Amino acid sequence: MMLEPNVIVLYVDDIARTSQFYQDLLGIKPEEASPTFHSFALSNGMNLALKAKYSVTPPTEAKSDNGELAFTLDSNQNVDELFVAWQSRKIDILLPPTQAPFGYTFVALDPDGHRLRVASIGKA
């Protein structure tokens, strides 16, 4: 049996605020929405879920800087264009576009401080 993850769950402080952020970012509505859980079905078969921190069992004290959601694009130009779009939407930017060993990238933050990395991997 091959075990493959198919859901990424982010623990959030304000589920309504963070859900609206991801609705705007992804351009989709949650497939499932309750007061403590929202789930977005992504076109690649994965789901992105948001879980209210106060409802997590067992309780967590995890900080949100333990990882990142990564979005890969086809070109450096697309990375720059998305960077400008996110700046205009007042999304917090942690790292402006820069060349890294793996590719061209920038890093933003969602309302709960989760890192959102955008990159063109090994592409010009």
PDB file of N, CA and C in Angstrom:
ATOM      1  N   MET A   1       0.849  -1.185   0.000  1.00  0.00           N
ATOM      2  CA  MET A   1       0.000   0.000   0.000  1.00  0.00           C
ATOM      3  C   MET A   1       0.888   1.241   0.000  1.00  0.00           C
ATOM      4  N   MET A   2       0.650   2.123  -0.956  1.00  0.00           N
ATOM      5  CA  MET A   2       1.377   3.389  -0.990  1.00  0.00           C
ATOM      6  C   MET A   2       0.535   4.452  -0.305  1.00  0.00           C
ATOM      7  N   LEU A   3       1.107   5.082   0.683  1.00  0.00           N
ATOM      8  CA  LEU A   3       0.406   6.109   1.447  1.00  0.00           C
ATOM      9  C   LEU A   3       0.795   7.480   0.903  1.00  0.00           C
ATOM     10  N   GLU A   4      -0.195   8.244   0.423  1.00  0.00           N
ATOM     11  CA  GLU A   4       0.056   9.566  -0.140  1.00  0.00           C
ATOM     12  C   GLU A   4      -0.821  10.596   0.558  1.00  0.00           C
ATOM     13  N   PRO A   5      -0.230  11.698   1.034  1.00  0.00           N
ATOM     14  CA  PRO A   5      -1.051  12.743   1.638  1.00  0.00           C
ATOM     15  C   PRO A   5      -1.932  13.394   0.577  1.00  0.00           C
ATOM     16  N   ASN A   6      -3.150  13.734   0.954  1.00  0.00           N
ATOM     17  CA  ASN A   6      -4.044  14.402   0.013  1.00  0.00           C
ATOM     18  C   ASN A   6      -4.737  15.621   0.610  1.00  0.00           C
ATOM     19  N   VAL A   7      -4.412  15.940   1.873  1.00  0.00           N
ATOM     20  CA  VAL A   7      -4.975  17.119   2.521  1.00  0.00           C
ATOM     21  C   VAL A   7      -3.874  17.816   3.312  1.00  0.00           C
ATOM     22  N   ILE A   8      -3.783  19.123   3.147  1.00  0.00           N
ATOM     23  CA  ILE A   8      -2.914  19.956   3.974  1.00  0.00           C
ATOM     24  C   ILE A   8      -3.844  20.717   4.904  1.00  0.00           C
ATOM     25  N   VAL A   9      -3.608  20.635   6.208  1.00  0.00           N
ATOM     26  CA  VAL A   9      -4.448  21.315   7.187  1.00  0.00           C
ATOM     27  C   VAL A   9      -3.624  22.400   7.871  1.00  0.00           C
ATOM     28  N   LEU A  10      -4.132  23.635   7.823  1.00  0.00           N
ATOM     29  CA  LEU A  10      -3.501  24.746   8.519  1.00  0.00           C
ATOM     30  C   LEU A  10      -4.362  25.119   9.712  1.00  0.00           C
ATOM     31  N   TYR A  11      -3.744  25.270  10.878  1.00  0.00           N
ATOM     32  CA  TYR A  11      -4.457  25.723  12.064  1.00  0.00           C
ATOM     33  C   TYR A  11      -4.477  27.249  12.050  1.00  0.00           C
ATOM     34  N   VAL A  12      -5.669  27.823  12.258  1.00  0.00           N
ATOM     35  CA  VAL A  12      -5.835  29.267  12.113  1.00  0.00           C
ATOM     36  C   VAL A  12      -6.534  29.873  13.321  1.00  0.00           C
ATOM     37  N   ASP A  13      -6.276  31.166  13.548  1.00  0.00           N
ATOM     38  CA  ASP A  13      -6.892  31.879  14.668  1.00  0.00           C
ATOM     39  C   ASP A  13      -8.314  32.329  14.348  1.00  0.00           C
ATOM     40  N   ASP A  14      -8.531  32.845  13.159  1.00  0.00           N
ATOM     41  CA  ASP A  14      -9.833  33.389  12.760  1.00  0.00           C
ATOM     42  C   ASP A  14     -10.231  32.722  11.446  1.00  0.00           C
ATOM     43  N   ILE A  15     -11.046  31.699  11.532  1.00  0.00           N
ATOM     44  CA  ILE A  15     -11.345  30.890  10.349  1.00  0.00           C
ATOM     45  C   ILE A  15     -12.056  31.696   9.265  1.00  0.00           C
ATOM     46  N   ALA A  16     -12.935  32.609   9.628  1.00  0.00           N
ATOM     47  CA  ALA A  16     -13.645  33.406   8.621  1.00  0.00           C
ATOM     48  C   ALA A  16     -12.669  34.297   7.854  1.00  0.00           C
ATOM     49  N   ARG A  17     -11.786  34.973   8.571  1.00  0.00           N
ATOM     50  CA  ARG A  17     -10.809  35.866   7.938  1.00  0.00           C
ATOM     51  C   ARG A  17      -9.866  35.084   7.024  1.00  0.00           C
ATOM     52  N   THR A  18      -9.332  33.968   7.533  1.00  0.00           N
ATOM     53  CA  THR A  18      -8.366  33.199   6.752  1.00  0.00           C
ATOM     54  C   THR A  18      -9.044  32.495   5.582  1.00  0.00           C
ATOM     55  N   SER A  19     -10.271  32.029   5.767  1.00  0.00           N
ATOM     56  CA  SER A  19     -11.001  31.415   4.665  1.00  0.00           C
ATOM     57  C   SER A  19     -11.230  32.427   3.545  1.00  0.00           C
ATOM     58  N   GLN A  20     -11.608  33.639   3.902  1.00  0.00           N
ATOM     59  CA  GLN A  20     -11.811  34.675   2.882  1.00  0.00           C
ATOM     60  C   GLN A  20     -10.505  34.976   2.149  1.00  0.00           C
ATOM     61  N   PHE A  21      -9.392  35.013   2.888  1.00  0.00           N
ATOM     62  CA  PHE A  21      -8.077  35.224   2.275  1.00  0.00           C
ATOM     63  C   PHE A  21      -7.809  34.165   1.210  1.00  0.00           C
ATOM     64  N   TYR A  22      -8.021  32.887   1.545  1.00  0.00           N
ATOM     65  CA  TYR A  22      -7.749  31.811   0.588  1.00  0.00           C
ATOM     66  C   TYR A  22      -8.787  31.753  -0.533  1.00  0.00           C
ATOM     67  N   GLN A  23     -10.032  32.153  -0.259  1.00  0.00           N
ATOM     68  CA  GLN A  23     -11.017  32.245  -1.342  1.00  0.00           C
ATOM     69  C   GLN A  23     -10.553  33.260  -2.381  1.00  0.00           C
ATOM     70  N   ASP A  24     -10.067  34.404  -1.906  1.00  0.00           N
ATOM     71  CA  ASP A  24      -9.572  35.439  -2.814  1.00  0.00           C
ATOM     72  C   ASP A  24      -8.293  34.988  -3.515  1.00  0.00           C
ATOM     73  N   LEU A  25      -7.401  34.338  -2.782  1.00  0.00           N
ATOM     74  CA  LEU A  25      -6.110  33.911  -3.329  1.00  0.00           C
ATOM     75  C   LEU A  25      -6.274  32.822  -4.380  1.00  0.00           C
ATOM     76  N   LEU A  26      -7.099  31.822  -4.076  1.00  0.00           N
ATOM     77  CA  LEU A  26      -7.252  30.660  -4.949  1.00  0.00           C
ATOM     78  C   LEU A  26      -8.357  30.826  -5.994  1.00  0.00           C
ATOM     79  N   GLY A  27      -9.263  31.771  -5.757  1.00  0.00           N
ATOM     80  CA  GLY A  27     -10.369  31.981  -6.687  1.00  0.00           C
ATOM     81  C   GLY A  27     -11.440  30.909  -6.607  1.00  0.00           C
ATOM     82  N   ILE A  28     -11.547  30.243  -5.457  1.00  0.00           N
ATOM     83  CA  ILE A  28     -12.571  29.204  -5.266  1.00  0.00           C
ATOM     84  C   ILE A  28     -13.203  29.356  -3.889  1.00  0.00           C
ATOM     85  N   LYS A  29     -14.383  28.782  -3.749  1.00  0.00           N
ATOM     86  CA  LYS A  29     -15.089  28.752  -2.464  1.00  0.00           C
ATOM     87  C   LYS A  29     -14.765  27.440  -1.757  1.00  0.00           C
ATOM     88  N   PRO A  30     -14.881  27.410  -0.430  1.00  0.00           N
ATOM     89  CA  PRO A  30     -14.667  26.136   0.260  1.00  0.00           C
ATOM     90  C   PRO A  30     -15.741  25.126  -0.123  1.00  0.00           C
ATOM     91  N   GLU A  31     -15.312  23.897  -0.284  1.00  0.00           N
ATOM     92  CA  GLU A  31     -16.229  22.806  -0.600  1.00  0.00           C
ATOM     93  C   GLU A  31     -17.004  22.401   0.651  1.00  0.00           C
ATOM     94  N   GLU A  32     -16.368  22.555   1.782  1.00  0.00           N
ATOM     95  CA  GLU A  32     -16.972  22.243   3.074  1.00  0.00           C
ATOM     96  C   GLU A  32     -16.687  23.412   3.999  1.00  0.00           C
ATOM     97  N   ALA A  33     -17.697  23.855   4.755  1.00  0.00           N
ATOM     98  CA  ALA A  33     -17.506  24.984   5.663  1.00  0.00           C
ATOM     99  C   ALA A  33     -18.372  24.811   6.899  1.00  0.00           C
ATOM    100  N   SER A  34     -17.727  24.817   8.048  1.00  0.00           N
ATOM    101  CA  SER A  34     -18.419  24.798   9.334  1.00  0.00           C
ATOM    102  C   SER A  34     -17.769  25.880  10.193  1.00  0.00           C
ATOM    103  N   PRO A  35     -18.270  26.128  11.385  1.00  0.00           N
ATOM    104  CA  PRO A  35     -17.659  27.160  12.228  1.00  0.00           C
ATOM    105  C   PRO A  35     -16.195  26.887  12.593  1.00  0.00           C
ATOM    106  N   THR A  36     -15.747  25.632  12.500  1.00  0.00           N
ATOM    107  CA  THR A  36     -14.376  25.312  12.905  1.00  0.00           C
ATOM    108  C   THR A  36     -13.519  24.702  11.802  1.00  0.00           C
ATOM    109  N   PHE A  37     -14.084  24.482  10.599  1.00  0.00           N
ATOM    110  CA  PHE A  37     -13.340  23.791   9.546  1.00  0.00           C
ATOM    111  C   PHE A  37     -13.817  24.228   8.168  1.00  0.00           C
ATOM    112  N   HIS A  38     -12.886  24.592   7.296  1.00  0.00           N
ATOM    113  CA  HIS A  38     -13.179  24.889   5.892  1.00  0.00           C
ATOM    114  C   HIS A  38     -12.220  24.079   5.043  1.00  0.00           C
ATOM    115  N   SER A  39     -12.700  23.546   3.916  1.00  0.00           N
ATOM    116  CA  SER A  39     -11.862  22.736   3.038  1.00  0.00           C
ATOM    117  C   SER A  39     -12.043  23.175   1.588  1.00  0.00           C
ATOM    118  N   PHE A  40     -10.914  23.398   0.913  1.00  0.00           N
ATOM    119  CA  PHE A  40     -10.893  23.800  -0.489  1.00  0.00           C
ATOM    120  C   PHE A  40     -10.391  22.640  -1.335  1.00  0.00           C
ATOM    121  N   ALA A  41     -11.162  22.234  -2.334  1.00  0.00           N
ATOM    122  CA  ALA A  41     -10.736  21.182  -3.265  1.00  0.00           C
ATOM    123  C   ALA A  41      -9.916  21.844  -4.368  1.00  0.00           C
ATOM    124  N   LEU A  42      -8.671  21.422  -4.503  1.00  0.00           N
ATOM    125  CA  LEU A  42      -7.775  21.992  -5.503  1.00  0.00           C
ATOM    126  C   LEU A  42      -7.804  21.151  -6.777  1.00  0.00           C
ATOM    127  N   SER A  43      -7.511  21.766  -7.899  1.00  0.00           N
ATOM    128  CA  SER A  43      -7.617  21.073  -9.187  1.00  0.00           C
ATOM    129  C   SER A  43      -6.617  19.930  -9.348  1.00  0.00           C
ATOM    130  N   ASN A  44      -5.558  19.907  -8.533  1.00  0.00           N
ATOM    131  CA  ASN A  44      -4.562  18.833  -8.634  1.00  0.00           C
ATOM    132  C   ASN A  44      -4.916  17.620  -7.774  1.00  0.00           C
ATOM    133  N   GLY A  45      -6.113  17.627  -7.179  1.00  0.00           N
ATOM    134  CA  GLY A  45      -6.552  16.499  -6.369  1.00  0.00           C
ATOM    135  C   GLY A  45      -6.299  16.661  -4.880  1.00  0.00           C
ATOM    136  N   MET A  46      -5.484  17.634  -4.516  1.00  0.00           N
ATOM    137  CA  MET A  46      -5.221  17.902  -3.098  1.00  0.00           C
ATOM    138  C   MET A  46      -6.354  18.752  -2.525  1.00  0.00           C
ATOM    139  N   ASN A  47      -6.447  18.760  -1.205  1.00  0.00           N
ATOM    140  CA  ASN A  47      -7.342  19.658  -0.496  1.00  0.00           C
ATOM    141  C   ASN A  47      -6.518  20.521   0.441  1.00  0.00           C
ATOM    142  N   LEU A  48      -6.907  21.783   0.551  1.00  0.00           N
ATOM    143  CA  LEU A  48      -6.337  22.688   1.538  1.00  0.00           C
ATOM    144  C   LEU A  48      -7.425  22.925   2.566  1.00  0.00           C
ATOM    145  N   ALA A  49      -7.136  22.576   3.812  1.00  0.00           N
ATOM    146  CA  ALA A  49      -8.133  22.708   4.872  1.00  0.00           C
ATOM    147  C   ALA A  49      -7.654  23.707   5.914  1.00  0.00           C
ATOM    148  N   LEU A  50      -8.606  24.408   6.504  1.00  0.00           N
ATOM    149  CA  LEU A  50      -8.349  25.346   7.589  1.00  0.00           C
ATOM    150  C   LEU A  50      -9.090  24.847   8.812  1.00  0.00           C
ATOM    151  N   LYS A  51      -8.413  24.779   9.939  1.00  0.00           N
ATOM    152  CA  LYS A  51      -9.008  24.282  11.184  1.00  0.00           C
ATOM    153  C   LYS A  51      -8.802  25.338  12.258  1.00  0.00           C
ATOM    154  N   ALA A  52      -9.883  25.721  12.934  1.00  0.00           N
ATOM    155  CA  ALA A  52      -9.781  26.687  14.025  1.00  0.00           C
ATOM    156  C   ALA A  52      -8.896  26.118  15.132  1.00  0.00           C
ATOM    157  N   LYS A  53      -7.863  26.881  15.532  1.00  0.00           N
ATOM    158  CA  LYS A  53      -6.908  26.394  16.533  1.00  0.00           C
ATOM    159  C   LYS A  53      -7.596  25.925  17.809  1.00  0.00           C
ATOM    160  N   TYR A  54      -8.616  26.667  18.254  1.00  0.00           N
ATOM    161  CA  TYR A  54      -9.260  26.329  19.526  1.00  0.00           C
ATOM    162  C   TYR A  54      -9.964  24.978  19.491  1.00  0.00           C
ATOM    163  N   SER A  55     -10.215  24.451  18.281  1.00  0.00           N
ATOM    164  CA  SER A  55     -10.961  23.196  18.174  1.00  0.00           C
ATOM    165  C   SER A  55     -10.073  21.988  17.885  1.00  0.00           C
ATOM    166  N   VAL A  56      -8.768  22.184  17.815  1.00  0.00           N
ATOM    167  CA  VAL A  56      -7.847  21.091  17.494  1.00  0.00           C
ATOM    168  C   VAL A  56      -7.700  20.156  18.688  1.00  0.00           C
ATOM    169  N   THR A  57      -7.806  18.845  18.436  1.00  0.00           N
ATOM    170  CA  THR A  57      -7.646  17.832  19.474  1.00  0.00           C
ATOM    171  C   THR A  57      -6.570  16.850  19.045  1.00  0.00           C
ATOM    172  N   PRO A  58      -5.559  16.611  19.869  1.00  0.00           N
ATOM    173  CA  PRO A  58      -5.228  17.323  21.096  1.00  0.00           C
ATOM    174  C   PRO A  58      -4.794  18.754  20.779  1.00  0.00           C
ATOM    175  N   PRO A  59      -4.891  19.644  21.782  1.00  0.00           N
ATOM    176  CA  PRO A  59      -4.531  21.050  21.561  1.00  0.00           C
ATOM    177  C   PRO A  59      -3.098  21.183  21.047  1.00  0.00           C
ATOM    178  N   THR A  60      -2.872  22.240  20.291  1.00  0.00           N
ATOM    179  CA  THR A  60      -1.541  22.484  19.736  1.00  0.00           C
ATOM    180  C   THR A  60      -1.008  23.829  20.184  1.00  0.00           C
ATOM    181  N   GLU A  61       0.293  23.886  20.296  1.00  0.00           N
ATOM    182  CA  GLU A  61       0.967  25.152  20.554  1.00  0.00           C
ATOM    183  C   GLU A  61       1.924  25.451  19.411  1.00  0.00           C
ATOM    184  N   ALA A  62       1.733  24.761  18.296  1.00  0.00           N
ATOM    185  CA  ALA A  62       2.639  24.917  17.159  1.00  0.00           C
ATOM    186  C   ALA A  62       2.613  26.341  16.630  1.00  0.00           C
ATOM    187  N   LYS A  63       3.770  26.820  16.263  1.00  0.00           N
ATOM    188  CA  LYS A  63       3.878  28.127  15.624  1.00  0.00           C
ATOM    189  C   LYS A  63       3.678  27.935  14.126  1.00  0.00           C
ATOM    190  N   SER A  64       3.305  29.006  13.446  1.00  0.00           N
ATOM    191  CA  SER A  64       3.002  28.866  12.025  1.00  0.00           C
ATOM    192  C   SER A  64       4.214  29.013  11.117  1.00  0.00           C
ATOM    193  N   ASP A  65       5.414  29.136  11.673  1.00  0.00           N
ATOM    194  CA  ASP A  65       6.583  29.261  10.807  1.00  0.00           C
ATOM    195  C   ASP A  65       7.358  27.948  10.691  1.00  0.00           C
ATOM    196  N   ASN A  66       6.640  26.824  10.742  1.00  0.00           N
ATOM    197  CA  ASN A  66       7.268  25.505  10.671  1.00  0.00           C
ATOM    198  C   ASN A  66       7.301  24.942   9.263  1.00  0.00           C
ATOM    199  N   GLY A  67       6.806  25.645   8.285  1.00  0.00           N
ATOM    200  CA  GLY A  67       6.747  25.148   6.918  1.00  0.00           C
ATOM    201  C   GLY A  67       6.150  26.201   6.013  1.00  0.00           C
ATOM    202  N   GLU A  68       5.784  25.800   4.810  1.00  0.00           N
ATOM    203  CA  GLU A  68       5.225  26.757   3.865  1.00  0.00           C
ATOM    204  C   GLU A  68       4.394  26.039   2.809  1.00  0.00           C
ATOM    205  N   LEU A  69       3.451  26.764   2.226  1.00  0.00           N
ATOM    206  CA  LEU A  69       2.747  26.295   1.038  1.00  0.00           C
ATOM    207  C   LEU A  69       3.524  26.838  -0.149  1.00  0.00           C
ATOM    208  N   ALA A  70       3.826  25.992  -1.104  1.00  0.00           N
ATOM    209  CA  ALA A  70       4.606  26.427  -2.259  1.00  0.00           C
ATOM    210  C   ALA A  70       3.765  26.352  -3.526  1.00  0.00           C
ATOM    211  N   PHE A  71       3.876  27.375  -4.333  1.00  0.00           N
ATOM    212  CA  PHE A  71       3.183  27.479  -5.611  1.00  0.00           C
ATOM    213  C   PHE A  71       4.247  27.644  -6.690  1.00  0.00           C
ATOM    214  N   THR A  72       4.313  26.739  -7.651  1.00  0.00           N
ATOM    215  CA  THR A  72       5.304  26.869  -8.715  1.00  0.00           C
ATOM    216  C   THR A  72       4.652  27.429  -9.972  1.00  0.00           C
ATOM    217  N   LEU A  73       5.366  28.336 -10.609  1.00  0.00           N
ATOM    218  CA  LEU A  73       4.901  28.981 -11.832  1.00  0.00           C
ATOM    219  C   LEU A  73       5.861  28.671 -12.974  1.00  0.00           C
ATOM    220  N   ASP A  74       5.426  28.981 -14.198  1.00  0.00           N
ATOM    221  CA  ASP A  74       6.182  28.612 -15.394  1.00  0.00           C
ATOM    222  C   ASP A  74       7.392  29.482 -15.690  1.00  0.00           C
ATOM    223  N   SER A  75       7.428  30.718 -15.156  1.00  0.00           N
ATOM    224  CA  SER A  75       8.528  31.609 -15.527  1.00  0.00           C
ATOM    225  C   SER A  75       8.797  32.638 -14.443  1.00  0.00           C
ATOM    226  N   ASN A  76       9.977  33.234 -14.510  1.00  0.00           N
ATOM    227  CA  ASN A  76      10.322  34.321 -13.596  1.00  0.00           C
ATOM    228  C   ASN A  76       9.371  35.497 -13.794  1.00  0.00           C
ATOM    229  N   GLN A  77       8.973  35.755 -15.030  1.00  0.00           N
ATOM    230  CA  GLN A  77       8.044  36.845 -15.313  1.00  0.00           C
ATOM    231  C   GLN A  77       6.715  36.616 -14.596  1.00  0.00           C
ATOM    232  N   ASN A  78       6.216  35.384 -14.594  1.00  0.00           N
ATOM    233  CA  ASN A  78       4.968  35.081 -13.881  1.00  0.00           C
ATOM    234  C   ASN A  78       5.133  35.287 -12.382  1.00  0.00           C
ATOM    235  N   VAL A  79       6.303  34.960 -11.850  1.00  0.00           N
ATOM    236  CA  VAL A  79       6.582  35.201 -10.428  1.00  0.00           C
ATOM    237  C   VAL A  79       6.514  36.700 -10.152  1.00  0.00           C
ATOM    238  N   ASP A  80       7.177  37.502 -10.985  1.00  0.00           N
ATOM    239  CA  ASP A  80       7.161  38.956 -10.798  1.00  0.00           C
ATOM    240  C   ASP A  80       5.748  39.523 -10.905  1.00  0.00           C
ATOM    241  N   GLU A  81       4.968  39.035 -11.862  1.00  0.00           N
ATOM    242  CA  GLU A  81       3.598  39.528 -12.040  1.00  0.00           C
ATOM    243  C   GLU A  81       2.728  39.197 -10.834  1.00  0.00           C
ATOM    244  N   LEU A  82       2.871  37.984 -10.297  1.00  0.00           N
ATOM    245  CA  LEU A  82       2.082  37.615  -9.121  1.00  0.00           C
ATOM    246  C   LEU A  82       2.532  38.415  -7.904  1.00  0.00           C
ATOM    247  N   PHE A  83       3.827  38.669  -7.787  1.00  0.00           N
ATOM    248  CA  PHE A  83       4.346  39.490  -6.694  1.00  0.00           C
ATOM    249  C   PHE A  83       3.692  40.872  -6.705  1.00  0.00           C
ATOM    250  N   VAL A  84       3.641  41.505  -7.863  1.00  0.00           N
ATOM    251  CA  VAL A  84       3.024  42.828  -7.987  1.00  0.00           C
ATOM    252  C   VAL A  84       1.536  42.753  -7.637  1.00  0.00           C
ATOM    253  N   ALA A  85       0.855  41.713  -8.102  1.00  0.00           N
ATOM    254  CA  ALA A  85      -0.574  41.550  -7.804  1.00  0.00           C
ATOM    255  C   ALA A  85      -0.803  41.387  -6.308  1.00  0.00           C
ATOM    256  N   TRP A  86       0.031  40.574  -5.654  1.00  0.00           N
ATOM    257  CA  TRP A  86      -0.135  40.367  -4.214  1.00  0.00           C
ATOM    258  C   TRP A  86       0.205  41.633  -3.439  1.00  0.00           C
ATOM    259  N   GLN A  87       1.202  42.386  -3.878  1.00  0.00           N
ATOM    260  CA  GLN A  87       1.513  43.657  -3.228  1.00  0.00           C
ATOM    261  C   GLN A  87       0.318  44.594  -3.318  1.00  0.00           C
ATOM    262  N   SER A  88      -0.315  44.660  -4.475  1.00  0.00           N
ATOM    263  CA  SER A  88      -1.456  45.560  -4.650  1.00  0.00           C
ATOM    264  C   SER A  88      -2.640  45.139  -3.784  1.00  0.00           C
ATOM    265  N   ARG A  89      -2.693  43.856  -3.419  1.00  0.00           N
ATOM    266  CA  ARG A  89      -3.755  43.361  -2.538  1.00  0.00           C
ATOM    267  C   ARG A  89      -3.359  43.472  -1.068  1.00  0.00           C
ATOM    268  N   LYS A  90      -2.203  44.067  -0.807  1.00  0.00           N
ATOM    269  CA  LYS A  90      -1.710  44.304   0.562  1.00  0.00           C
ATOM    270  C   LYS A  90      -1.408  43.005   1.305  1.00  0.00           C
ATOM    271  N   ILE A  91      -1.046  41.948   0.579  1.00  0.00           N
ATOM    272  CA  ILE A  91      -0.606  40.704   1.213  1.00  0.00           C
ATOM    273  C   ILE A  91       0.795  40.942   1.752  1.00  0.00           C
ATOM    274  N   ASP A  92       1.029  40.562   3.006  1.00  0.00           N
ATOM    275  CA  ASP A  92       2.339  40.770   3.629  1.00  0.00           C
ATOM    276  C   ASP A  92       3.417  39.989   2.887  1.00  0.00           C
ATOM    277  N   ILE A  93       4.501  40.681   2.548  1.00  0.00           N
ATOM    278  CA  ILE A  93       5.624  40.071   1.837  1.00  0.00           C
ATOM    279  C   ILE A  93       6.786  39.909   2.814  1.00  0.00           C
ATOM    280  N   LEU A  94       7.276  38.696   2.929  1.00  0.00           N
ATOM    281  CA  LEU A  94       8.410  38.403   3.802  1.00  0.00           C
ATOM    282  C   LEU A  94       9.728  38.513   3.042  1.00  0.00           C
ATOM    283  N   LEU A  95       9.732  38.086   1.782  1.00  0.00           N
ATOM    284  CA  LEU A  95      10.934  38.108   0.945  1.00  0.00           C
ATOM    285  C   LEU A  95      10.529  38.525  -0.460  1.00  0.00           C
ATOM    286  N   PRO A  96      11.061  39.649  -0.967  1.00  0.00           N
ATOM    287  CA  PRO A  96      10.736  40.043  -2.336  1.00  0.00           C
ATOM    288  C   PRO A  96      11.378  39.080  -3.333  1.00  0.00           C
ATOM    289  N   PRO A  97      10.999  39.168  -4.607  1.00  0.00           N
ATOM    290  CA  PRO A  97      11.569  38.255  -5.598  1.00  0.00           C
ATOM    291  C   PRO A  97      13.103  38.268  -5.575  1.00  0.00           C
ATOM    292  N   THR A  98      13.648  37.079  -5.559  1.00  0.00           N
ATOM    293  CA  THR A  98      15.096  36.913  -5.497  1.00  0.00           C
ATOM    294  C   THR A  98      15.483  35.593  -6.150  1.00  0.00           C
ATOM    295  N   GLN A  99      16.699  35.532  -6.619  1.00  0.00           N
ATOM    296  CA  GLN A  99      17.216  34.286  -7.182  1.00  0.00           C
ATOM    297  C   GLN A  99      17.768  33.445  -6.038  1.00  0.00           C
ATOM    298  N   ALA A 100      17.299  32.222  -5.910  1.00  0.00           N
ATOM    299  CA  ALA A 100      17.774  31.277  -4.895  1.00  0.00           C
ATOM    300  C   ALA A 100      18.425  30.104  -5.629  1.00  0.00           C
ATOM    301  N   PRO A 101      19.148  29.244  -4.912  1.00  0.00           N
ATOM    302  CA  PRO A 101      19.795  28.106  -5.577  1.00  0.00           C
ATOM    303  C   PRO A 101      18.823  27.216  -6.367  1.00  0.00           C
ATOM    304  N   PHE A 102      17.577  27.130  -5.932  1.00  0.00           N
ATOM    305  CA  PHE A 102      16.600  26.246  -6.584  1.00  0.00           C
ATOM    306  C   PHE A 102      15.787  26.940  -7.657  1.00  0.00           C
ATOM    307  N   GLY A 103      15.785  28.290  -7.688  1.00  0.00           N
ATOM    308  CA  GLY A 103      14.987  29.012  -8.664  1.00  0.00           C
ATOM    309  C   GLY A 103      14.703  30.432  -8.219  1.00  0.00           C
ATOM    310  N   TYR A 104      13.817  31.103  -8.932  1.00  0.00           N
ATOM    311  CA  TYR A 104      13.439  32.486  -8.666  1.00  0.00           C
ATOM    312  C   TYR A 104      12.205  32.466  -7.774  1.00  0.00           C
ATOM    313  N   THR A 105      12.214  33.226  -6.673  1.00  0.00           N
ATOM    314  CA  THR A 105      11.183  33.034  -5.660  1.00  0.00           C
ATOM    315  C   THR A 105      10.871  34.300  -4.880  1.00  0.00           C
ATOM    316  N   PHE A 106       9.664  34.336  -4.299  1.00  0.00           N
ATOM    317  CA  PHE A 106       9.341  35.294  -3.244  1.00  0.00           C
ATOM    318  C   PHE A 106       8.496  34.580  -2.205  1.00  0.00           C
ATOM    319  N   VAL A 107       8.423  35.184  -1.003  1.00  0.00           N
ATOM    320  CA  VAL A 107       7.670  34.581   0.096  1.00  0.00           C
ATOM    321  C   VAL A 107       6.728  35.629   0.678  1.00  0.00           C
ATOM    322  N   ALA A 108       5.462  35.242   0.838  1.00  0.00           N
ATOM    323  CA  ALA A 108       4.440  36.088   1.449  1.00  0.00           C
ATOM    324  C   ALA A 108       3.892  35.369   2.682  1.00  0.00           C
ATOM    325  N   LEU A 109       3.000  36.055   3.399  1.00  0.00           N
ATOM    326  CA  LEU A 109       2.390  35.476   4.601  1.00  0.00           C
ATOM    327  C   LEU A 109       0.878  35.550   4.498  1.00  0.00           C
ATOM    328  N   ASP A 110       0.198  34.496   4.975  1.00  0.00           N
ATOM    329  CA  ASP A 110      -1.259  34.564   5.085  1.00  0.00           C
ATOM    330  C   ASP A 110      -1.604  35.271   6.393  1.00  0.00           C
ATOM    331  N   PRO A 111      -2.882  35.501   6.695  1.00  0.00           N
ATOM    332  CA  PRO A 111      -3.248  36.235   7.908  1.00  0.00           C
ATOM    333  C   PRO A 111      -2.772  35.589   9.214  1.00  0.00           C
ATOM    334  N   ASP A 112      -2.482  34.286   9.201  1.00  0.00           N
ATOM    335  CA  ASP A 112      -2.013  33.604  10.404  1.00  0.00           C
ATOM    336  C   ASP A 112      -0.501  33.431  10.423  1.00  0.00           C
ATOM    337  N   GLY A 113       0.195  34.009   9.463  1.00  0.00           N
ATOM    338  CA  GLY A 113       1.645  33.932   9.427  1.00  0.00           C
ATOM    339  C   GLY A 113       2.204  32.708   8.731  1.00  0.00           C
ATOM    340  N   HIS A 114       1.351  31.897   8.080  1.00  0.00           N
ATOM    341  CA  HIS A 114       1.854  30.766   7.299  1.00  0.00           C
ATOM    342  C   HIS A 114       2.569  31.309   6.065  1.00  0.00           C
ATOM    343  N   ARG A 115       3.723  30.739   5.768  1.00  0.00           N
ATOM    344  CA  ARG A 115       4.502  31.184   4.610  1.00  0.00           C
ATOM    345  C   ARG A 115       3.906  30.651   3.305  1.00  0.00           C
ATOM    346  N   LEU A 116       3.862  31.530   2.313  1.00  0.00           N
ATOM    347  CA  LEU A 116       3.398  31.193   0.971  1.00  0.00           C
ATOM    348  C   LEU A 116       4.559  31.469   0.024  1.00  0.00           C
ATOM    349  N   ARG A 117       5.205  30.422  -0.460  1.00  0.00           N
ATOM    350  CA  ARG A 117       6.343  30.596  -1.367  1.00  0.00           C
ATOM    351  C   ARG A 117       5.867  30.437  -2.805  1.00  0.00           C
ATOM    352  N   VAL A 118       6.266  31.389  -3.640  1.00  0.00           N
ATOM    353  CA  VAL A 118       5.994  31.333  -5.070  1.00  0.00           C
ATOM    354  C   VAL A 118       7.345  31.236  -5.761  1.00  0.00           C
ATOM    355  N   ALA A 119       7.472  30.307  -6.710  1.00  0.00           N
ATOM    356  CA  ALA A 119       8.773  30.111  -7.355  1.00  0.00           C
ATOM    357  C   ALA A 119       8.622  29.580  -8.769  1.00  0.00           C
ATOM    358  N   SER A 120       9.579  29.938  -9.591  1.00  0.00           N
ATOM    359  CA  SER A 120       9.768  29.253 -10.872  1.00  0.00           C
ATOM    360  C   SER A 120      11.031  28.429 -10.669  1.00  0.00           C
ATOM    361  N   ILE A 121      10.872  27.143 -10.638  1.00  0.00           N
ATOM    362  CA  ILE A 121      11.954  26.222 -10.290  1.00  0.00           C
ATOM    363  C   ILE A 121      12.828  25.961 -11.510  1.00  0.00           C
ATOM    364  N   GLY A 122      14.064  26.437 -11.435  1.00  0.00           N
ATOM    365  CA  GLY A 122      15.030  26.178 -12.492  1.00  0.00           C
ATOM    366  C   GLY A 122      14.629  26.691 -13.857  1.00  0.00           C
ATOM    367  N   LYS A 123      13.782  27.736 -13.905  1.00  0.00           N
ATOM    368  CA  LYS A 123      13.300  28.285 -15.177  1.00  0.00           C
ATOM    369  C   LYS A 123      13.638  29.760 -15.253  1.00  0.00           C
ATOM    370  N   ALA A 124      13.780  30.264 -16.446  1.00  0.00           N
ATOM    371  CA  ALA A 124      14.079  31.693 -16.628  1.00  0.00           C
ATOM    372  C   ALA A 124      12.808  32.479 -16.865  1.00  0.00           C
TER     373      ALA A 124
END
